Amino acid sequence: MDIITSFMTGTIGLIVLIVVHLVIGSFTGWLAGNKGYESTITWFFAGFFFGIFGLLTIGLASNLKYEKQLINLSEKLEKLNINDSPSETRKSKDTKNDITRCVKCRKIIPPDSLSCTYCGAPVVA
C-alpha cells in the first residue's frame, strides 16, 4: 500500500508541477506580448522551463510598446517643429556652479567638448 501511495503522490506532485509551470509559462508569454515583444512562444518556454525566473526577467524588461510610441511621438514632433529644443545643441552655462549643460538632453558635458557625450548632438557656442 505504501508503494502505491508514494507513486500516486509522486505522480500527482509531478502533474501539479507541470500545471504550475504551464501557468507561469502562459503568463510569461502573455506579459511579453503585452510589452511589445514579438516572440511570445520563446517567452512561454522561458517561463515554462525557468519558472519564476523567466517571469521575473520579462517583468523587469523594458516595455517596447511605450518606447516605440515615444519614438514615433518624437519623430512627429520633429516633423511639426513643435519640439522646444533646437535642432543644434547650444551650450548653456549654469551660473550657480559654473558647469556646462547640453540644451537638448540637459546633462552635464565637458566645457571644451564639440558634441554632447550623451545624446551626440553638436554643441554650438
N, C-alpha and C. Protein backbone atom coordinates (compact mmCIF):
# COMPACT_ATOMS: atom_id res chain seq x y z
N MET A 1 0.81 -1.19 0.00
CA MET A 1 0.00 0.00 0.00
C MET A 1 0.86 1.26 0.00
N ASP A 2 2.00 1.21 0.68
CA ASP A 2 2.89 2.37 0.72
C ASP A 2 3.48 2.69 -0.65
N ILE A 3 3.76 1.67 -1.43
CA ILE A 3 4.32 1.89 -2.77
C ILE A 3 3.30 2.59 -3.65
N ILE A 4 2.05 2.17 -3.61
CA ILE A 4 1.00 2.79 -4.42
C ILE A 4 0.76 4.23 -3.97
N THR A 5 0.75 4.48 -2.68
CA THR A 5 0.54 5.83 -2.16
C THR A 5 1.68 6.76 -2.57
N SER A 6 2.91 6.26 -2.45
CA SER A 6 4.04 7.11 -2.83
C SER A 6 4.06 7.36 -4.34
N PHE A 7 3.65 6.34 -5.15
CA PHE A 7 3.59 6.53 -6.59
C PHE A 7 2.53 7.57 -6.96
N MET A 8 1.38 7.49 -6.33
CA MET A 8 0.30 8.44 -6.62
C MET A 8 0.68 9.85 -6.17
N THR A 9 1.31 9.94 -5.00
CA THR A 9 1.73 11.25 -4.52
C THR A 9 2.78 11.84 -5.44
N GLY A 10 3.72 11.02 -5.89
CA GLY A 10 4.76 11.49 -6.80
C GLY A 10 4.16 11.88 -8.15
N THR A 11 3.22 11.10 -8.65
CA THR A 11 2.58 11.42 -9.92
C THR A 11 1.74 12.67 -9.81
N ILE A 12 0.99 12.79 -8.75
CA ILE A 12 0.17 13.99 -8.55
C ILE A 12 1.06 15.21 -8.37
N GLY A 13 2.14 15.04 -7.63
CA GLY A 13 3.09 16.15 -7.45
C GLY A 13 3.69 16.59 -8.77
N LEU A 14 4.01 15.63 -9.64
CA LEU A 14 4.57 15.95 -10.95
C LEU A 14 3.54 16.66 -11.83
N ILE A 15 2.30 16.20 -11.77
CA ILE A 15 1.23 16.84 -12.55
C ILE A 15 1.01 18.26 -12.08
N VAL A 16 1.00 18.46 -10.77
CA VAL A 16 0.83 19.81 -10.22
C VAL A 16 1.99 20.70 -10.64
N LEU A 17 3.20 20.17 -10.61
CA LEU A 17 4.38 20.94 -11.02
C LEU A 17 4.29 21.34 -12.50
N ILE A 18 3.86 20.42 -13.34
CA ILE A 18 3.73 20.73 -14.78
C ILE A 18 2.64 21.77 -14.99
N VAL A 19 1.52 21.64 -14.30
CA VAL A 19 0.43 22.62 -14.44
C VAL A 19 0.89 24.01 -13.99
N VAL A 20 1.60 24.07 -12.87
CA VAL A 20 2.10 25.36 -12.38
C VAL A 20 3.05 25.97 -13.39
N HIS A 21 3.93 25.17 -13.96
CA HIS A 21 4.87 25.70 -14.96
C HIS A 21 4.15 26.11 -16.25
N LEU A 22 3.09 25.40 -16.62
CA LEU A 22 2.29 25.81 -17.77
C LEU A 22 1.64 27.17 -17.52
N VAL A 23 1.14 27.37 -16.31
CA VAL A 23 0.51 28.66 -15.97
C VAL A 23 1.55 29.77 -15.98
N ILE A 24 2.71 29.52 -15.36
CA ILE A 24 3.78 30.54 -15.35
C ILE A 24 4.25 30.83 -16.77
N GLY A 25 4.41 29.78 -17.59
CA GLY A 25 4.83 29.98 -18.98
C GLY A 25 3.80 30.76 -19.78
N SER A 26 2.53 30.46 -19.57
CA SER A 26 1.47 31.18 -20.28
C SER A 26 1.44 32.65 -19.87
N PHE A 27 1.56 32.90 -18.59
CA PHE A 27 1.55 34.28 -18.10
C PHE A 27 2.78 35.04 -18.59
N THR A 28 3.94 34.36 -18.65
CA THR A 28 5.16 34.99 -19.15
C THR A 28 5.00 35.35 -20.62
N GLY A 29 4.45 34.44 -21.43
CA GLY A 29 4.22 34.74 -22.84
C GLY A 29 3.22 35.85 -23.04
N TRP A 30 2.16 35.86 -22.24
CA TRP A 30 1.16 36.92 -22.32
C TRP A 30 1.76 38.27 -21.96
N LEU A 31 2.55 38.31 -20.90
CA LEU A 31 3.18 39.55 -20.47
C LEU A 31 4.16 40.06 -21.52
N ALA A 32 4.89 39.15 -22.14
CA ALA A 32 5.83 39.54 -23.19
C ALA A 32 5.09 40.15 -24.38
N GLY A 33 3.95 39.56 -24.74
CA GLY A 33 3.14 40.11 -25.83
C GLY A 33 2.60 41.49 -25.49
N ASN A 34 2.18 41.69 -24.26
CA ASN A 34 1.67 43.00 -23.85
C ASN A 34 2.76 44.06 -23.77
N LYS A 35 4.01 43.63 -23.57
CA LYS A 35 5.11 44.59 -23.51
C LYS A 35 5.69 44.87 -24.90
N GLY A 36 5.19 44.22 -25.92
CA GLY A 36 5.63 44.52 -27.28
C GLY A 36 6.67 43.57 -27.84
N TYR A 37 6.99 42.51 -27.14
CA TYR A 37 7.95 41.53 -27.65
C TYR A 37 7.23 40.59 -28.60
N GLU A 38 7.86 40.33 -29.75
CA GLU A 38 7.19 39.55 -30.79
C GLU A 38 7.27 38.05 -30.55
N SER A 39 8.29 37.57 -29.86
CA SER A 39 8.49 36.13 -29.69
C SER A 39 7.83 35.65 -28.40
N THR A 40 6.50 35.63 -28.39
CA THR A 40 5.79 35.20 -27.18
C THR A 40 5.95 33.71 -26.93
N ILE A 41 6.15 32.93 -27.99
CA ILE A 41 6.36 31.48 -27.82
C ILE A 41 7.69 31.25 -27.10
N THR A 42 8.71 32.00 -27.47
CA THR A 42 10.00 31.87 -26.81
C THR A 42 9.89 32.24 -25.34
N TRP A 43 9.15 33.30 -25.06
CA TRP A 43 8.95 33.70 -23.67
C TRP A 43 8.11 32.69 -22.91
N PHE A 44 7.17 32.02 -23.59
CA PHE A 44 6.40 30.96 -22.95
C PHE A 44 7.35 29.85 -22.47
N PHE A 45 8.25 29.43 -23.37
CA PHE A 45 9.18 28.37 -22.99
C PHE A 45 10.15 28.82 -21.91
N ALA A 46 10.53 30.10 -21.94
CA ALA A 46 11.40 30.61 -20.88
C ALA A 46 10.67 30.55 -19.54
N GLY A 47 9.41 30.90 -19.53
CA GLY A 47 8.63 30.82 -18.30
C GLY A 47 8.36 29.39 -17.88
N PHE A 48 8.16 28.51 -18.86
CA PHE A 48 7.89 27.11 -18.53
C PHE A 48 9.12 26.43 -17.95
N PHE A 49 10.27 26.59 -18.59
CA PHE A 49 11.47 25.89 -18.14
C PHE A 49 12.16 26.57 -16.95
N PHE A 50 12.14 27.89 -16.90
CA PHE A 50 12.84 28.59 -15.83
C PHE A 50 11.91 29.07 -14.72
N GLY A 51 10.61 28.90 -14.91
CA GLY A 51 9.65 29.21 -13.86
C GLY A 51 9.62 30.68 -13.50
N ILE A 52 9.73 30.94 -12.23
CA ILE A 52 9.60 32.30 -11.72
C ILE A 52 10.73 33.20 -12.24
N PHE A 53 11.88 32.62 -12.56
CA PHE A 53 12.99 33.43 -13.09
C PHE A 53 12.68 33.96 -14.49
N GLY A 54 12.03 33.16 -15.32
CA GLY A 54 11.60 33.64 -16.63
C GLY A 54 10.56 34.73 -16.50
N LEU A 55 9.65 34.57 -15.55
CA LEU A 55 8.62 35.57 -15.31
C LEU A 55 9.23 36.87 -14.79
N LEU A 56 10.18 36.76 -13.88
CA LEU A 56 10.86 37.96 -13.38
C LEU A 56 11.64 38.67 -14.47
N THR A 57 12.25 37.90 -15.37
CA THR A 57 13.03 38.50 -16.45
C THR A 57 12.15 39.37 -17.34
N ILE A 58 11.02 38.85 -17.78
CA ILE A 58 10.14 39.66 -18.63
C ILE A 58 9.44 40.74 -17.83
N GLY A 59 9.20 40.49 -16.55
CA GLY A 59 8.58 41.51 -15.72
C GLY A 59 9.47 42.72 -15.52
N LEU A 60 10.77 42.50 -15.46
CA LEU A 60 11.72 43.59 -15.27
C LEU A 60 12.23 44.18 -16.58
N ALA A 61 11.89 43.53 -17.70
CA ALA A 61 12.34 44.03 -19.01
C ALA A 61 11.58 45.31 -19.36
N SER A 62 12.20 46.11 -20.23
CA SER A 62 11.57 47.37 -20.61
C SER A 62 10.34 47.11 -21.49
N ASN A 63 9.44 48.07 -21.49
CA ASN A 63 8.21 47.97 -22.25
C ASN A 63 8.45 48.53 -23.64
N LEU A 64 8.52 47.66 -24.64
CA LEU A 64 8.82 48.09 -26.00
C LEU A 64 7.70 48.89 -26.63
N LYS A 65 6.46 48.63 -26.21
CA LYS A 65 5.34 49.39 -26.78
C LYS A 65 5.47 50.87 -26.46
N TYR A 66 5.79 51.17 -25.21
CA TYR A 66 5.91 52.57 -24.81
C TYR A 66 7.13 53.22 -25.46
N GLU A 67 8.22 52.47 -25.59
CA GLU A 67 9.40 53.01 -26.24
C GLU A 67 9.12 53.32 -27.71
N LYS A 68 8.40 52.43 -28.39
CA LYS A 68 8.05 52.67 -29.79
C LYS A 68 7.12 53.88 -29.91
N GLN A 69 6.18 54.01 -28.98
CA GLN A 69 5.28 55.16 -29.01
C GLN A 69 6.04 56.46 -28.77
N LEU A 70 7.01 56.44 -27.87
CA LEU A 70 7.81 57.64 -27.62
C LEU A 70 8.64 58.02 -28.83
N ILE A 71 9.21 57.03 -29.50
CA ILE A 71 10.00 57.30 -30.70
C ILE A 71 9.11 57.87 -31.79
N ASN A 72 7.92 57.29 -32.00
CA ASN A 72 7.00 57.80 -33.01
C ASN A 72 6.55 59.22 -32.68
N LEU A 73 6.28 59.47 -31.41
CA LEU A 73 5.85 60.80 -30.99
C LEU A 73 6.95 61.83 -31.20
N SER A 74 8.19 61.47 -30.86
CA SER A 74 9.29 62.42 -31.06
C SER A 74 9.54 62.68 -32.54
N GLU A 75 9.36 61.66 -33.40
CA GLU A 75 9.51 61.87 -34.84
C GLU A 75 8.41 62.80 -35.36
N LYS A 76 7.19 62.62 -34.87
CA LYS A 76 6.10 63.50 -35.30
C LYS A 76 6.34 64.94 -34.83
N LEU A 77 6.85 65.09 -33.61
CA LEU A 77 7.14 66.44 -33.11
C LEU A 77 8.25 67.11 -33.91
N GLU A 78 9.25 66.34 -34.30
CA GLU A 78 10.31 66.90 -35.13
C GLU A 78 9.79 67.33 -36.49
N LYS A 79 8.86 66.55 -37.06
CA LYS A 79 8.28 66.91 -38.35
C LYS A 79 7.45 68.19 -38.25
N LEU A 80 6.76 68.35 -37.13
CA LEU A 80 5.92 69.53 -36.94
C LEU A 80 6.67 70.73 -36.36
N ASN A 81 7.94 70.53 -36.02
CA ASN A 81 8.77 71.57 -35.40
C ASN A 81 8.16 72.11 -34.12
N ILE A 82 7.53 71.22 -33.36
CA ILE A 82 6.95 71.61 -32.08
C ILE A 82 7.96 71.40 -30.96
N ASN A 83 9.00 70.65 -31.24
CA ASN A 83 10.00 70.34 -30.23
C ASN A 83 10.60 71.63 -29.69
N ASP A 84 10.61 71.79 -28.38
CA ASP A 84 11.07 73.04 -27.80
C ASP A 84 12.58 73.18 -27.79
N SER A 85 13.32 72.10 -27.97
CA SER A 85 14.76 72.24 -28.02
C SER A 85 15.20 72.43 -29.47
N PRO A 86 16.22 73.24 -29.71
CA PRO A 86 16.67 73.48 -31.08
C PRO A 86 17.31 72.23 -31.66
N SER A 87 17.41 72.20 -33.00
CA SER A 87 18.00 71.03 -33.64
C SER A 87 19.48 70.92 -33.32
N GLU A 88 20.14 72.03 -33.14
CA GLU A 88 21.53 72.01 -32.72
C GLU A 88 21.58 72.39 -31.24
N THR A 89 22.45 71.75 -30.54
CA THR A 89 22.55 71.99 -29.11
C THR A 89 23.49 73.17 -28.86
N ARG A 90 23.07 74.05 -28.00
CA ARG A 90 23.92 75.17 -27.60
C ARG A 90 24.37 74.96 -26.18
N LYS A 91 25.52 75.50 -25.87
CA LYS A 91 25.99 75.41 -24.51
C LYS A 91 25.20 76.38 -23.65
N SER A 92 24.78 75.90 -22.52
CA SER A 92 24.13 76.80 -21.58
C SER A 92 24.90 76.74 -20.28
N LYS A 93 25.36 77.85 -19.85
CA LYS A 93 26.15 77.91 -18.62
C LYS A 93 25.22 77.95 -17.43
N ASP A 94 25.49 77.09 -16.48
CA ASP A 94 24.77 77.11 -15.22
C ASP A 94 25.49 78.11 -14.32
N THR A 95 24.83 79.18 -14.00
CA THR A 95 25.51 80.26 -13.27
C THR A 95 25.80 79.89 -11.83
N LYS A 96 25.06 78.96 -11.27
CA LYS A 96 25.31 78.61 -9.88
C LYS A 96 26.64 77.89 -9.70
N ASN A 97 26.86 76.87 -10.50
CA ASN A 97 28.02 76.00 -10.30
C ASN A 97 29.07 76.14 -11.39
N ASP A 98 28.84 77.00 -12.36
CA ASP A 98 29.75 77.19 -13.48
C ASP A 98 30.03 75.87 -14.20
N ILE A 99 28.94 75.16 -14.59
CA ILE A 99 29.05 73.93 -15.35
C ILE A 99 28.34 74.12 -16.68
N THR A 100 28.65 73.27 -17.64
CA THR A 100 28.05 73.34 -18.96
C THR A 100 27.07 72.20 -19.12
N ARG A 101 25.86 72.53 -19.60
CA ARG A 101 24.84 71.52 -19.83
C ARG A 101 24.43 71.53 -21.30
N CYS A 102 24.09 70.36 -21.81
CA CYS A 102 23.55 70.25 -23.16
C CYS A 102 22.12 70.77 -23.13
N VAL A 103 21.76 71.58 -24.09
CA VAL A 103 20.42 72.15 -24.12
C VAL A 103 19.39 71.09 -24.50
N LYS A 104 19.80 70.10 -25.30
CA LYS A 104 18.85 69.09 -25.77
C LYS A 104 18.51 68.07 -24.68
N CYS A 105 19.53 67.47 -24.05
CA CYS A 105 19.26 66.44 -23.05
C CYS A 105 19.48 66.91 -21.62
N ARG A 106 19.99 68.11 -21.43
CA ARG A 106 20.19 68.76 -20.13
C ARG A 106 21.17 68.03 -19.22
N LYS A 107 22.08 67.23 -19.80
CA LYS A 107 23.09 66.54 -19.00
C LYS A 107 24.36 67.37 -18.98
N ILE A 108 25.15 67.19 -17.94
CA ILE A 108 26.40 67.94 -17.80
C ILE A 108 27.41 67.39 -18.79
N ILE A 109 28.03 68.31 -19.55
CA ILE A 109 29.04 67.93 -20.53
C ILE A 109 30.32 68.69 -20.24
N PRO A 110 31.46 68.18 -20.70
CA PRO A 110 32.71 68.92 -20.52
C PRO A 110 32.65 70.25 -21.27
N PRO A 111 33.20 71.32 -20.69
CA PRO A 111 33.07 72.64 -21.32
C PRO A 111 33.78 72.75 -22.66
N ASP A 112 34.77 71.93 -22.93
CA ASP A 112 35.52 72.05 -24.18
C ASP A 112 35.07 71.06 -25.25
N SER A 113 33.96 70.34 -25.02
CA SER A 113 33.53 69.33 -25.98
C SER A 113 32.83 69.97 -27.18
N LEU A 114 32.93 69.29 -28.32
CA LEU A 114 32.29 69.76 -29.55
C LEU A 114 30.91 69.14 -29.76
N SER A 115 30.65 68.02 -29.07
CA SER A 115 29.33 67.40 -29.14
C SER A 115 28.99 66.84 -27.77
N CYS A 116 27.72 66.64 -27.54
CA CYS A 116 27.28 66.11 -26.27
C CYS A 116 27.71 64.65 -26.14
N THR A 117 28.27 64.29 -25.01
CA THR A 117 28.74 62.93 -24.83
C THR A 117 27.59 61.95 -24.60
N TYR A 118 26.39 62.43 -24.30
CA TYR A 118 25.26 61.54 -24.03
C TYR A 118 24.34 61.38 -25.22
N CYS A 119 23.92 62.50 -25.82
CA CYS A 119 22.97 62.39 -26.93
C CYS A 119 23.66 62.57 -28.29
N GLY A 120 24.90 63.04 -28.30
CA GLY A 120 25.65 63.18 -29.54
C GLY A 120 25.31 64.40 -30.35
N ALA A 121 24.50 65.29 -29.83
CA ALA A 121 24.13 66.49 -30.57
C ALA A 121 25.32 67.43 -30.62
N PRO A 122 25.53 68.09 -31.78
CA PRO A 122 26.65 69.04 -31.88
C PRO A 122 26.41 70.25 -30.95
N VAL A 123 27.48 70.73 -30.37
CA VAL A 123 27.39 71.85 -29.44
C VAL A 123 27.76 73.12 -30.19
N VAL A 124 26.86 74.12 -30.13
CA VAL A 124 27.09 75.41 -30.75
C VAL A 124 27.33 76.42 -29.63
N ALA A 125 28.40 77.18 -29.76
CA ALA A 125 28.75 78.13 -28.69
C ALA A 125 27.82 79.30 -28.67
